[in-house]
N, C-alpha and C. Protein backbone atom coordinates (compact mmCIF):
# COMPACT_ATOMS: atom_id res chain seq x y z
N GLY A 1 91.93 93.64 97.26
CA GLY A 1 91.74 95.07 97.31
C GLY A 1 91.82 95.59 98.78
N ASP A 2 91.30 94.87 99.75
CA ASP A 2 91.41 95.35 101.12
C ASP A 2 92.82 95.34 101.67
N ILE A 3 93.57 94.28 101.34
CA ILE A 3 94.93 94.18 101.80
C ILE A 3 95.81 95.22 101.10
N ALA A 4 95.51 95.61 99.86
CA ALA A 4 96.21 96.67 99.19
C ALA A 4 96.01 98.02 99.85
N LYS A 5 94.71 98.23 100.36
CA LYS A 5 94.47 99.46 101.05
C LYS A 5 95.23 99.53 102.38
N ILE A 6 95.32 98.36 103.07
CA ILE A 6 96.07 98.34 104.31
C ILE A 6 97.54 98.64 104.10
N ARG A 7 98.08 98.08 102.99
CA ARG A 7 99.50 98.30 102.66
C ARG A 7 99.74 99.79 102.41
N SER A 8 98.71 100.49 101.87
CA SER A 8 98.90 101.96 101.56
C SER A 8 98.04 102.81 102.45
N ILE A 9 97.81 102.33 103.73
CA ILE A 9 96.78 103.00 104.54
C ILE A 9 97.14 104.43 104.93
N GLU A 10 98.47 104.73 104.87
CA GLU A 10 98.86 106.13 105.24
C GLU A 10 98.30 107.12 104.23
N LYS A 11 98.04 106.65 102.98
CA LYS A 11 97.46 107.58 101.98
C LYS A 11 95.99 107.85 102.28
N PHE A 12 95.35 106.91 102.92
CA PHE A 12 93.89 107.09 103.20
C PHE A 12 93.62 107.69 104.61
N SER A 13 94.69 107.78 105.43
CA SER A 13 94.44 108.22 106.80
C SER A 13 95.33 109.44 107.15
N SER A 14 95.84 110.14 106.18
CA SER A 14 96.67 111.29 106.38
C SER A 14 97.87 110.99 107.35
N ASN A 15 98.42 109.79 107.10
CA ASN A 15 99.58 109.29 107.91
C ASN A 15 99.28 109.04 109.36
N LYS A 16 97.99 108.98 109.69
CA LYS A 16 97.62 108.63 111.11
C LYS A 16 97.89 107.14 111.36
N PHE A 17 97.72 106.39 110.29
CA PHE A 17 98.06 104.93 110.34
C PHE A 17 99.15 104.65 109.35
N ARG A 18 100.10 103.80 109.76
CA ARG A 18 101.18 103.44 108.86
C ARG A 18 101.39 101.92 108.99
N SER A 19 101.58 101.24 107.85
CA SER A 19 101.71 99.77 107.86
C SER A 19 103.10 99.35 107.36
N LEU A 20 103.56 98.20 107.90
CA LEU A 20 104.85 97.67 107.45
C LEU A 20 104.76 96.16 107.38
N GLU A 21 105.38 95.60 106.37
CA GLU A 21 105.38 94.12 106.22
C GLU A 21 106.53 93.49 107.01
N LEU A 22 106.20 92.40 107.64
CA LEU A 22 107.25 91.55 108.28
C LEU A 22 107.23 90.24 107.58
N ASP A 23 108.33 89.97 106.83
CA ASP A 23 108.46 88.75 106.05
C ASP A 23 108.79 87.57 106.95
N ILE A 24 107.96 86.49 106.97
CA ILE A 24 108.21 85.36 107.86
C ILE A 24 108.90 84.20 107.12
N CYS A 25 109.44 84.46 105.95
CA CYS A 25 110.14 83.46 105.19
C CYS A 25 111.62 83.60 105.43
N TYR A 26 112.37 82.50 105.31
CA TYR A 26 113.83 82.56 105.47
C TYR A 26 114.46 81.60 104.47
N PRO A 27 115.72 81.78 104.10
CA PRO A 27 116.37 80.95 103.05
C PRO A 27 116.39 79.46 103.46
N PHE A 28 116.09 78.63 102.50
CA PHE A 28 116.16 77.17 102.73
C PHE A 28 117.57 76.76 103.17
N ALA A 29 118.59 77.45 102.59
CA ALA A 29 119.98 77.12 102.83
C ALA A 29 120.36 77.32 104.32
N TRP A 30 119.64 78.04 105.09
CA TRP A 30 119.90 78.23 106.51
C TRP A 30 119.72 76.96 107.33
N GLY A 31 119.04 76.02 106.79
CA GLY A 31 118.78 74.76 107.53
C GLY A 31 117.68 74.96 108.56
N LYS A 32 117.34 73.88 109.25
CA LYS A 32 116.22 73.94 110.19
C LYS A 32 116.54 74.90 111.36
N GLU A 33 117.81 75.10 111.66
CA GLU A 33 118.16 76.02 112.78
C GLU A 33 117.87 77.46 112.38
N GLY A 34 117.70 77.72 111.10
CA GLY A 34 117.40 79.12 110.66
C GLY A 34 116.12 79.66 111.16
N VAL A 35 115.12 78.79 111.52
CA VAL A 35 113.88 79.30 111.95
C VAL A 35 114.01 80.08 113.27
N GLU A 36 114.86 79.63 114.22
CA GLU A 36 115.05 80.32 115.46
C GLU A 36 115.68 81.69 115.25
N ALA A 37 116.68 81.74 114.33
CA ALA A 37 117.28 83.08 114.07
C ALA A 37 116.25 84.01 113.40
N ARG A 38 115.44 83.49 112.52
CA ARG A 38 114.50 84.38 111.84
C ARG A 38 113.41 84.84 112.81
N LEU A 39 113.00 83.96 113.73
CA LEU A 39 111.99 84.42 114.74
C LEU A 39 112.57 85.52 115.59
N ALA A 40 113.81 85.42 115.98
CA ALA A 40 114.45 86.43 116.83
C ALA A 40 114.53 87.77 116.12
N SER A 41 114.92 87.72 114.86
CA SER A 41 115.05 88.90 114.08
C SER A 41 113.68 89.49 113.76
N LEU A 42 112.67 88.63 113.55
CA LEU A 42 111.34 89.06 113.32
C LEU A 42 110.80 89.88 114.51
N CYS A 43 111.00 89.37 115.68
CA CYS A 43 110.53 90.05 116.92
C CYS A 43 111.25 91.34 117.06
N ALA A 44 112.55 91.41 116.78
CA ALA A 44 113.33 92.63 116.86
C ALA A 44 112.80 93.66 115.83
N GLN A 45 112.48 93.16 114.64
CA GLN A 45 111.98 94.05 113.58
C GLN A 45 110.58 94.65 114.02
N ALA A 46 109.79 93.85 114.66
CA ALA A 46 108.51 94.31 115.10
C ALA A 46 108.66 95.45 116.14
N VAL A 47 109.54 95.28 117.05
CA VAL A 47 109.82 96.28 118.08
C VAL A 47 110.31 97.59 117.45
N ASP A 48 111.26 97.46 116.51
CA ASP A 48 111.79 98.61 115.79
C ASP A 48 110.72 99.33 114.99
N ALA A 49 109.87 98.51 114.36
CA ALA A 49 108.80 99.12 113.54
C ALA A 49 107.78 99.92 114.41
N VAL A 50 107.43 99.39 115.54
CA VAL A 50 106.49 100.12 116.43
C VAL A 50 107.17 101.38 116.94
N ALA A 51 108.44 101.28 117.27
CA ALA A 51 109.18 102.41 117.76
C ALA A 51 109.26 103.54 116.70
N ALA A 52 109.27 103.09 115.40
CA ALA A 52 109.35 104.03 114.30
C ALA A 52 107.98 104.61 113.92
N GLY A 53 106.94 104.16 114.61
CA GLY A 53 105.63 104.76 114.36
C GLY A 53 104.70 103.96 113.48
N TYR A 54 105.04 102.72 113.16
CA TYR A 54 104.18 101.85 112.39
C TYR A 54 103.15 101.19 113.32
N ASN A 55 101.88 101.46 113.04
CA ASN A 55 100.87 100.96 113.98
C ASN A 55 100.02 99.85 113.40
N ILE A 56 100.44 99.32 112.17
CA ILE A 56 99.90 98.12 111.65
C ILE A 56 101.07 97.28 111.11
N LEU A 57 101.18 96.11 111.56
CA LEU A 57 102.24 95.15 111.10
C LEU A 57 101.61 94.05 110.26
N ILE A 58 102.06 93.83 109.05
CA ILE A 58 101.49 92.80 108.18
C ILE A 58 102.50 91.64 108.24
N ILE A 59 102.12 90.53 108.85
CA ILE A 59 102.94 89.34 108.92
C ILE A 59 102.61 88.53 107.70
N THR A 60 103.54 88.35 106.79
CA THR A 60 103.26 87.75 105.48
C THR A 60 104.22 86.63 105.08
N ASP A 61 103.66 85.62 104.41
CA ASP A 61 104.51 84.56 103.85
C ASP A 61 104.49 84.53 102.34
N ARG A 62 104.15 85.68 101.69
CA ARG A 62 103.99 85.70 100.21
C ARG A 62 105.32 85.62 99.49
N THR A 63 106.41 85.75 100.21
CA THR A 63 107.71 85.67 99.49
C THR A 63 108.19 84.19 99.32
N LEU A 64 107.33 83.27 99.77
CA LEU A 64 107.66 81.82 99.66
C LEU A 64 108.01 81.47 98.20
N ASP A 65 109.10 80.78 97.99
CA ASP A 65 109.44 80.27 96.68
C ASP A 65 110.29 79.02 96.80
N ALA A 66 110.94 78.60 95.75
CA ALA A 66 111.69 77.32 95.83
C ALA A 66 112.85 77.40 96.76
N ASP A 67 113.34 78.61 97.08
CA ASP A 67 114.51 78.73 97.97
C ASP A 67 114.21 79.37 99.30
N ARG A 68 112.92 79.61 99.57
CA ARG A 68 112.57 80.23 100.85
C ARG A 68 111.52 79.47 101.52
N VAL A 69 111.65 79.30 102.84
CA VAL A 69 110.75 78.50 103.63
C VAL A 69 109.95 79.43 104.56
N PRO A 70 108.66 79.31 104.71
CA PRO A 70 107.94 80.10 105.66
C PRO A 70 107.89 79.55 107.03
N ILE A 71 108.07 80.42 108.06
CA ILE A 71 107.76 80.00 109.39
C ILE A 71 106.20 79.79 109.42
N PRO A 72 105.72 78.78 110.13
CA PRO A 72 104.28 78.58 110.28
C PRO A 72 103.58 79.91 110.74
N ALA A 73 102.54 80.28 110.06
CA ALA A 73 101.96 81.66 110.38
C ALA A 73 101.55 81.77 111.83
N LEU A 74 100.99 80.66 112.43
CA LEU A 74 100.54 80.77 113.81
C LEU A 74 101.75 81.00 114.73
N LEU A 75 102.87 80.28 114.48
CA LEU A 75 104.04 80.42 115.28
C LEU A 75 104.61 81.84 115.20
N ALA A 76 104.70 82.38 113.97
CA ALA A 76 105.23 83.72 113.76
C ALA A 76 104.37 84.79 114.46
N THR A 77 103.05 84.59 114.29
CA THR A 77 102.08 85.58 114.85
C THR A 77 102.16 85.57 116.36
N SER A 78 102.17 84.40 116.99
CA SER A 78 102.24 84.30 118.41
C SER A 78 103.58 84.81 118.93
N ALA A 79 104.63 84.49 118.24
CA ALA A 79 105.95 84.98 118.68
C ALA A 79 106.07 86.50 118.73
N VAL A 80 105.57 87.15 117.66
CA VAL A 80 105.55 88.58 117.61
C VAL A 80 104.59 89.13 118.69
N HIS A 81 103.39 88.57 118.76
CA HIS A 81 102.39 89.02 119.74
C HIS A 81 102.97 88.94 121.16
N GLN A 82 103.56 87.83 121.54
CA GLN A 82 104.11 87.66 122.88
C GLN A 82 105.26 88.56 123.18
N HIS A 83 106.13 88.76 122.12
CA HIS A 83 107.31 89.60 122.33
C HIS A 83 106.86 91.05 122.54
N LEU A 84 105.91 91.52 121.77
CA LEU A 84 105.43 92.91 121.93
C LEU A 84 104.78 93.11 123.30
N ILE A 85 104.08 92.04 123.80
CA ILE A 85 103.49 92.16 125.15
C ILE A 85 104.65 92.29 126.20
N ALA A 86 105.65 91.48 125.98
CA ALA A 86 106.79 91.45 126.96
C ALA A 86 107.48 92.78 127.03
N VAL A 87 107.55 93.52 125.96
CA VAL A 87 108.24 94.83 125.93
C VAL A 87 107.28 96.00 126.11
N GLY A 88 106.02 95.69 126.34
CA GLY A 88 105.01 96.72 126.62
C GLY A 88 104.57 97.54 125.40
N LEU A 89 104.61 96.90 124.18
CA LEU A 89 104.28 97.65 122.98
C LEU A 89 103.06 97.12 122.18
N ARG A 90 102.46 96.04 122.75
CA ARG A 90 101.41 95.34 121.97
C ARG A 90 100.21 96.24 121.64
N THR A 91 99.86 97.13 122.57
CA THR A 91 98.69 97.96 122.37
C THR A 91 98.96 99.07 121.36
N CYS A 92 100.22 99.23 120.99
CA CYS A 92 100.60 100.30 120.08
C CYS A 92 100.45 99.91 118.62
N THR A 93 100.13 98.65 118.30
CA THR A 93 100.06 98.24 116.92
C THR A 93 99.06 97.15 116.76
N GLY A 94 98.61 96.97 115.53
CA GLY A 94 97.68 95.89 115.20
C GLY A 94 98.46 94.89 114.29
N LEU A 95 98.04 93.63 114.34
CA LEU A 95 98.67 92.58 113.61
C LEU A 95 97.71 92.05 112.50
N VAL A 96 98.16 92.16 111.29
CA VAL A 96 97.40 91.59 110.14
C VAL A 96 98.25 90.41 109.60
N VAL A 97 97.66 89.25 109.48
CA VAL A 97 98.34 88.09 108.98
C VAL A 97 97.95 87.70 107.61
N GLU A 98 98.91 87.69 106.71
CA GLU A 98 98.70 87.37 105.29
C GLU A 98 99.39 86.03 105.07
N THR A 99 98.56 85.00 104.90
CA THR A 99 99.14 83.64 104.82
C THR A 99 98.39 82.74 103.87
N GLY A 100 99.08 81.86 103.24
CA GLY A 100 98.41 80.89 102.34
C GLY A 100 97.96 79.68 103.10
N SER A 101 98.31 79.58 104.41
CA SER A 101 98.03 78.37 105.18
C SER A 101 96.69 78.44 105.87
N ALA A 102 96.05 79.58 105.88
CA ALA A 102 94.73 79.68 106.53
C ALA A 102 93.63 79.33 105.49
N ARG A 103 92.91 78.27 105.84
CA ARG A 103 91.82 77.81 104.91
C ARG A 103 90.52 77.51 105.72
N GLU A 104 90.66 76.81 106.83
CA GLU A 104 89.47 76.39 107.56
C GLU A 104 89.20 77.37 108.73
N VAL A 105 88.00 77.23 109.30
CA VAL A 105 87.57 78.06 110.43
C VAL A 105 88.60 77.95 111.59
N HIS A 106 89.03 76.77 111.81
CA HIS A 106 89.95 76.54 112.98
C HIS A 106 91.24 77.26 112.79
N HIS A 107 91.73 77.36 111.55
CA HIS A 107 92.95 78.13 111.24
C HIS A 107 92.77 79.63 111.65
N PHE A 108 91.63 80.18 111.26
CA PHE A 108 91.31 81.55 111.56
C PHE A 108 91.19 81.76 113.10
N ALA A 109 90.53 80.76 113.73
CA ALA A 109 90.30 80.89 115.13
C ALA A 109 91.61 80.86 115.89
N LEU A 110 92.54 80.02 115.48
CA LEU A 110 93.82 80.02 116.17
C LEU A 110 94.64 81.29 115.95
N LEU A 111 94.66 81.77 114.73
CA LEU A 111 95.37 83.02 114.45
C LEU A 111 94.78 84.17 115.24
N ALA A 112 93.48 84.24 115.35
CA ALA A 112 92.85 85.31 116.14
C ALA A 112 93.15 85.11 117.63
N GLY A 113 93.11 83.86 118.10
CA GLY A 113 93.35 83.62 119.49
C GLY A 113 94.75 83.94 119.93
N TYR A 114 95.67 84.04 118.97
CA TYR A 114 97.06 84.34 119.30
C TYR A 114 97.53 85.65 118.72
N GLY A 115 96.52 86.59 118.52
CA GLY A 115 96.87 87.98 118.28
C GLY A 115 96.56 88.60 116.94
N ALA A 116 96.01 87.85 115.97
CA ALA A 116 95.76 88.42 114.67
C ALA A 116 94.43 89.25 114.71
N GLU A 117 94.53 90.51 114.42
CA GLU A 117 93.36 91.35 114.35
C GLU A 117 92.61 91.11 113.01
N ALA A 118 93.37 90.72 111.98
CA ALA A 118 92.84 90.49 110.70
C ALA A 118 93.68 89.41 110.00
N VAL A 119 93.02 88.66 109.08
CA VAL A 119 93.67 87.53 108.36
C VAL A 119 93.36 87.68 106.86
N HIS A 120 94.40 87.62 106.05
CA HIS A 120 94.16 87.63 104.58
C HIS A 120 94.62 86.26 104.08
N PRO A 121 93.60 85.37 103.78
CA PRO A 121 93.97 84.02 103.28
C PRO A 121 94.11 83.99 101.77
N TYR A 122 95.16 84.56 101.31
CA TYR A 122 95.29 84.84 99.88
C TYR A 122 95.19 83.58 98.99
N LEU A 123 95.79 82.48 99.48
CA LEU A 123 95.72 81.26 98.64
C LEU A 123 94.27 80.72 98.53
N ALA A 124 93.53 80.75 99.61
CA ALA A 124 92.15 80.28 99.55
C ALA A 124 91.32 81.16 98.59
N LEU A 125 91.53 82.51 98.63
CA LEU A 125 90.81 83.37 97.80
C LEU A 125 91.19 83.19 96.35
N GLU A 126 92.51 83.01 96.03
CA GLU A 126 93.02 82.78 94.69
C GLU A 126 92.47 81.47 94.17
N THR A 127 92.34 80.46 94.99
CA THR A 127 91.79 79.17 94.64
C THR A 127 90.32 79.33 94.22
N LEU A 128 89.55 80.09 94.96
CA LEU A 128 88.18 80.34 94.64
C LEU A 128 88.05 81.06 93.28
N ILE A 129 88.92 82.01 93.07
CA ILE A 129 88.93 82.74 91.76
C ILE A 129 89.15 81.76 90.66
N ASP A 130 90.16 80.88 90.83
CA ASP A 130 90.51 79.92 89.80
C ASP A 130 89.39 78.90 89.54
N LEU A 131 88.70 78.50 90.59
CA LEU A 131 87.63 77.49 90.46
C LEU A 131 86.36 78.05 89.87
N HIS A 132 85.97 79.30 90.23
CA HIS A 132 84.69 79.76 89.92
C HIS A 132 84.66 80.86 88.78
N GLY A 133 85.78 81.34 88.37
CA GLY A 133 85.83 82.24 87.21
C GLY A 133 84.96 83.47 87.40
N ALA A 134 83.92 83.52 86.54
CA ALA A 134 83.04 84.71 86.53
C ALA A 134 82.20 84.82 87.80
N GLU A 135 82.02 83.74 88.48
CA GLU A 135 81.25 83.71 89.72
C GLU A 135 82.12 83.84 90.98
N ALA A 136 83.38 84.24 90.77
CA ALA A 136 84.36 84.27 91.89
C ALA A 136 83.93 85.23 92.97
N ASP A 137 83.41 86.40 92.63
CA ASP A 137 82.99 87.38 93.65
C ASP A 137 81.96 86.80 94.60
N LYS A 138 81.01 86.07 94.08
CA LYS A 138 79.98 85.49 94.90
C LYS A 138 80.56 84.34 95.72
N ALA A 139 81.47 83.56 95.17
CA ALA A 139 82.11 82.47 95.92
C ALA A 139 82.92 83.02 97.07
N ILE A 140 83.66 84.06 96.83
CA ILE A 140 84.49 84.69 97.83
C ILE A 140 83.62 85.28 98.99
N ALA A 141 82.53 85.94 98.57
CA ALA A 141 81.61 86.46 99.60
C ALA A 141 80.98 85.37 100.45
N ASN A 142 80.66 84.24 99.82
CA ASN A 142 80.11 83.11 100.55
C ASN A 142 81.11 82.48 101.51
N TYR A 143 82.38 82.40 101.03
CA TYR A 143 83.48 81.86 101.86
C TYR A 143 83.75 82.74 103.11
N ILE A 144 83.81 84.07 102.90
CA ILE A 144 84.02 84.97 104.00
C ILE A 144 82.86 84.91 105.00
N LYS A 145 81.65 84.80 104.46
CA LYS A 145 80.49 84.70 105.35
C LYS A 145 80.51 83.40 106.16
N ALA A 146 80.92 82.31 105.51
CA ALA A 146 80.98 81.02 106.16
C ALA A 146 82.08 81.02 107.27
N VAL A 147 83.20 81.61 107.00
CA VAL A 147 84.27 81.74 107.99
C VAL A 147 83.80 82.56 109.15
N GLY A 148 83.14 83.68 108.86
CA GLY A 148 82.59 84.50 109.94
C GLY A 148 81.59 83.83 110.79
N LYS A 149 80.70 83.03 110.23
CA LYS A 149 79.71 82.29 110.99
C LYS A 149 80.38 81.22 111.83
N GLY A 150 81.42 80.59 111.28
CA GLY A 150 82.22 79.60 111.95
C GLY A 150 82.93 80.18 113.21
N LEU A 151 83.49 81.36 113.02
CA LEU A 151 84.12 82.02 114.14
C LEU A 151 83.15 82.38 115.24
N GLN A 152 81.99 82.88 114.80
CA GLN A 152 80.94 83.19 115.75
C GLN A 152 80.56 81.95 116.65
N LYS A 153 80.52 80.84 115.95
CA LYS A 153 80.17 79.57 116.67
C LYS A 153 81.23 79.16 117.68
N VAL A 154 82.52 79.34 117.22
CA VAL A 154 83.63 78.99 118.12
C VAL A 154 83.61 79.97 119.35
N MET A 155 83.46 81.23 119.07
CA MET A 155 83.49 82.20 120.19
C MET A 155 82.25 82.03 121.10
N SER A 156 81.10 81.73 120.54
CA SER A 156 79.94 81.57 121.38
C SER A 156 80.01 80.40 122.38
N LYS A 157 80.73 79.36 121.96
CA LYS A 157 80.96 78.20 122.83
C LYS A 157 81.74 78.58 124.05
N MET A 158 82.57 79.62 123.91
CA MET A 158 83.38 80.08 125.07
C MET A 158 82.73 81.23 125.82
N GLY A 159 81.51 81.67 125.37
CA GLY A 159 80.81 82.74 125.95
C GLY A 159 81.43 84.09 125.60
N ILE A 160 82.06 84.16 124.43
CA ILE A 160 82.65 85.41 123.98
C ILE A 160 81.81 85.90 122.87
N SER A 161 81.48 87.23 122.89
CA SER A 161 80.53 87.82 121.93
C SER A 161 81.17 88.68 120.91
N THR A 162 82.41 89.11 121.05
CA THR A 162 83.04 89.98 120.05
C THR A 162 84.42 89.43 119.68
N TYR A 163 84.81 89.78 118.47
CA TYR A 163 86.14 89.35 117.94
C TYR A 163 87.20 90.07 118.77
N GLN A 164 86.98 91.31 119.19
CA GLN A 164 87.96 92.07 119.93
C GLN A 164 88.27 91.35 121.26
N SER A 165 87.28 90.75 121.90
CA SER A 165 87.51 90.04 123.20
C SER A 165 88.20 88.73 122.92
N TYR A 166 87.96 88.12 121.77
CA TYR A 166 88.52 86.79 121.43
C TYR A 166 90.00 86.95 121.04
N CYS A 167 90.33 88.06 120.38
CA CYS A 167 91.67 88.25 119.84
C CYS A 167 92.72 88.28 120.99
N GLY A 168 93.64 87.33 120.87
CA GLY A 168 94.71 87.21 121.86
C GLY A 168 94.32 86.50 123.12
N ALA A 169 93.12 85.93 123.14
CA ALA A 169 92.64 85.28 124.41
C ALA A 169 93.29 83.99 124.70
N GLN A 170 93.83 83.31 123.69
CA GLN A 170 94.57 82.07 123.86
C GLN A 170 93.73 80.99 124.59
N ILE A 171 92.52 80.81 124.21
CA ILE A 171 91.63 79.81 124.89
C ILE A 171 91.87 78.41 124.26
N PHE A 172 93.11 77.97 124.19
CA PHE A 172 93.43 76.70 123.62
C PHE A 172 94.37 75.95 124.55
N ASP A 173 94.39 74.63 124.48
CA ASP A 173 95.43 73.85 125.10
C ASP A 173 96.34 73.27 123.97
N ALA A 174 97.62 73.17 124.30
CA ALA A 174 98.57 72.64 123.31
C ALA A 174 98.70 71.11 123.56
N VAL A 175 98.69 70.37 122.51
CA VAL A 175 98.84 68.93 122.59
C VAL A 175 100.00 68.48 121.62
N GLY A 176 100.97 67.77 122.21
CA GLY A 176 102.07 67.25 121.43
C GLY A 176 103.20 68.30 121.08
N LEU A 177 103.28 69.31 121.94
CA LEU A 177 104.28 70.32 121.80
C LEU A 177 105.11 70.35 123.08
N SER A 178 106.45 70.55 123.01
CA SER A 178 107.22 70.58 124.22
C SER A 178 106.87 71.79 125.08
N SER A 179 106.98 71.61 126.36
CA SER A 179 106.59 72.68 127.33
C SER A 179 107.52 73.90 127.11
N GLY A 180 108.81 73.63 126.86
CA GLY A 180 109.71 74.76 126.65
C GLY A 180 109.39 75.58 125.48
N PHE A 181 109.01 74.91 124.35
CA PHE A 181 108.64 75.58 123.16
C PHE A 181 107.39 76.41 123.38
N VAL A 182 106.37 75.80 124.03
CA VAL A 182 105.13 76.53 124.33
C VAL A 182 105.39 77.73 125.21
N ALA A 183 106.17 77.55 126.24
CA ALA A 183 106.43 78.68 127.20
C ALA A 183 107.11 79.82 126.51
N LYS A 184 107.90 79.58 125.47
CA LYS A 184 108.59 80.69 124.85
C LYS A 184 107.82 81.39 123.81
N TYR A 185 107.08 80.62 122.95
CA TYR A 185 106.39 81.18 121.80
C TYR A 185 104.90 81.27 121.99
N PHE A 186 104.30 80.49 122.90
CA PHE A 186 102.84 80.54 123.14
C PHE A 186 102.65 80.73 124.65
N THR A 187 103.29 81.68 125.18
CA THR A 187 103.31 81.90 126.62
C THR A 187 101.96 81.97 127.24
N GLY A 188 101.74 81.13 128.33
CA GLY A 188 100.45 81.13 128.96
C GLY A 188 99.50 80.09 128.52
N THR A 189 99.90 79.36 127.46
CA THR A 189 99.02 78.26 126.90
C THR A 189 99.27 77.00 127.75
N ALA A 190 98.15 76.37 128.16
CA ALA A 190 98.27 75.14 128.94
C ALA A 190 98.73 74.00 128.05
N THR A 191 99.64 73.18 128.56
CA THR A 191 100.10 71.97 127.81
C THR A 191 100.36 70.83 128.79
N GLN A 192 99.69 69.74 128.55
CA GLN A 192 99.82 68.54 129.41
C GLN A 192 100.54 67.41 128.77
N ILE A 193 100.56 67.36 127.44
CA ILE A 193 101.14 66.28 126.73
C ILE A 193 102.37 66.78 125.97
N GLU A 194 103.54 66.28 126.36
CA GLU A 194 104.80 66.76 125.70
C GLU A 194 104.89 66.24 124.25
N GLY A 195 105.76 66.89 123.48
CA GLY A 195 105.93 66.50 122.09
C GLY A 195 107.13 67.25 121.44
N VAL A 196 106.89 67.64 120.20
CA VAL A 196 107.96 68.24 119.39
C VAL A 196 108.26 69.65 119.82
N GLY A 197 109.43 70.14 119.41
CA GLY A 197 109.87 71.44 119.68
C GLY A 197 110.10 72.23 118.37
N LEU A 198 110.77 73.33 118.48
CA LEU A 198 110.93 74.24 117.33
C LEU A 198 111.65 73.60 116.18
N LEU A 199 112.73 72.88 116.46
CA LEU A 199 113.54 72.32 115.35
C LEU A 199 112.74 71.23 114.63
N GLU A 200 111.97 70.45 115.35
CA GLU A 200 111.17 69.45 114.65
C GLU A 200 110.05 70.05 113.72
N ILE A 201 109.50 71.16 114.26
CA ILE A 201 108.49 71.91 113.46
C ILE A 201 109.14 72.47 112.20
N ALA A 202 110.37 73.02 112.38
CA ALA A 202 111.07 73.57 111.27
C ALA A 202 111.42 72.54 110.24
N GLU A 203 111.84 71.41 110.67
CA GLU A 203 112.18 70.30 109.79
C GLU A 203 110.97 69.82 108.97
N GLU A 204 109.81 69.80 109.62
CA GLU A 204 108.56 69.48 108.89
C GLU A 204 108.26 70.49 107.88
N GLY A 205 108.43 71.78 108.19
CA GLY A 205 108.18 72.82 107.23
C GLY A 205 109.09 72.80 106.02
N ARG A 206 110.32 72.29 106.27
CA ARG A 206 111.28 72.19 105.16
C ARG A 206 111.09 70.96 104.30
N GLY A 207 110.06 70.13 104.65
CA GLY A 207 109.95 68.85 104.00
C GLY A 207 109.49 69.00 102.52
N ILE A 208 108.73 70.05 102.21
CA ILE A 208 108.20 70.27 100.90
C ILE A 208 108.56 71.69 100.48
N ARG A 209 109.29 71.77 99.30
CA ARG A 209 109.57 73.11 98.79
C ARG A 209 108.71 73.34 97.55
N ALA A 210 108.60 74.57 97.17
CA ALA A 210 107.78 74.98 96.00
C ALA A 210 108.13 74.17 94.75
N GLU A 211 109.46 73.96 94.55
CA GLU A 211 109.90 73.24 93.31
C GLU A 211 109.49 71.76 93.36
N ASP A 212 109.13 71.21 94.57
CA ASP A 212 108.74 69.84 94.60
C ASP A 212 107.22 69.64 94.42
N LEU A 213 106.50 70.72 94.38
CA LEU A 213 105.03 70.62 94.23
C LEU A 213 104.65 70.33 92.82
N PRO A 214 103.54 69.65 92.59
CA PRO A 214 103.08 69.34 91.19
C PRO A 214 102.76 70.61 90.45
N ARG A 215 103.05 70.68 89.18
CA ARG A 215 102.77 71.84 88.37
C ARG A 215 101.41 71.69 87.68
């Protein structure tokens, strides 16, 4: 219900706020090289959207299917966040991340640390609904409360007291990622141990398609 309101927020705010979806999925047929092209177009779309007056961008992977591969949500979020900073537009819009990959507190902490003002973990919520049936509302409320307390614990360890201060703070070190990759998509993040780059990450993401998953 909350994400539906954000999608239609112009109706509730007399057009003072406008939201637009940015699809982070791309065709499987593009190959692993397709992720770089999609990231470039995603960043360009974000700039165009802000220029057109959209002040909430919804980064979503809900179009995932047997023929479409999602860019990892953290990578897509950070890429858009960093690009908007580079062109001086980041303060003109908010980023909402809608992803099935966010489940644990650490996932939320990373997304927040790299620019997500809000996260909609639709797959986790749908799983709770499926598991708990009539008690789903209580289970979801408990899950959201647990994630919130987990984020408070993460932030308090760094001496940060508000989500607003934590958002985009990038208080992480990268391990096992190439320095060139980190410099481009996670600009400013410290990295001491080299590792994989964009193409290797894309190849890993292409390893399992929806049609290969158990029914």
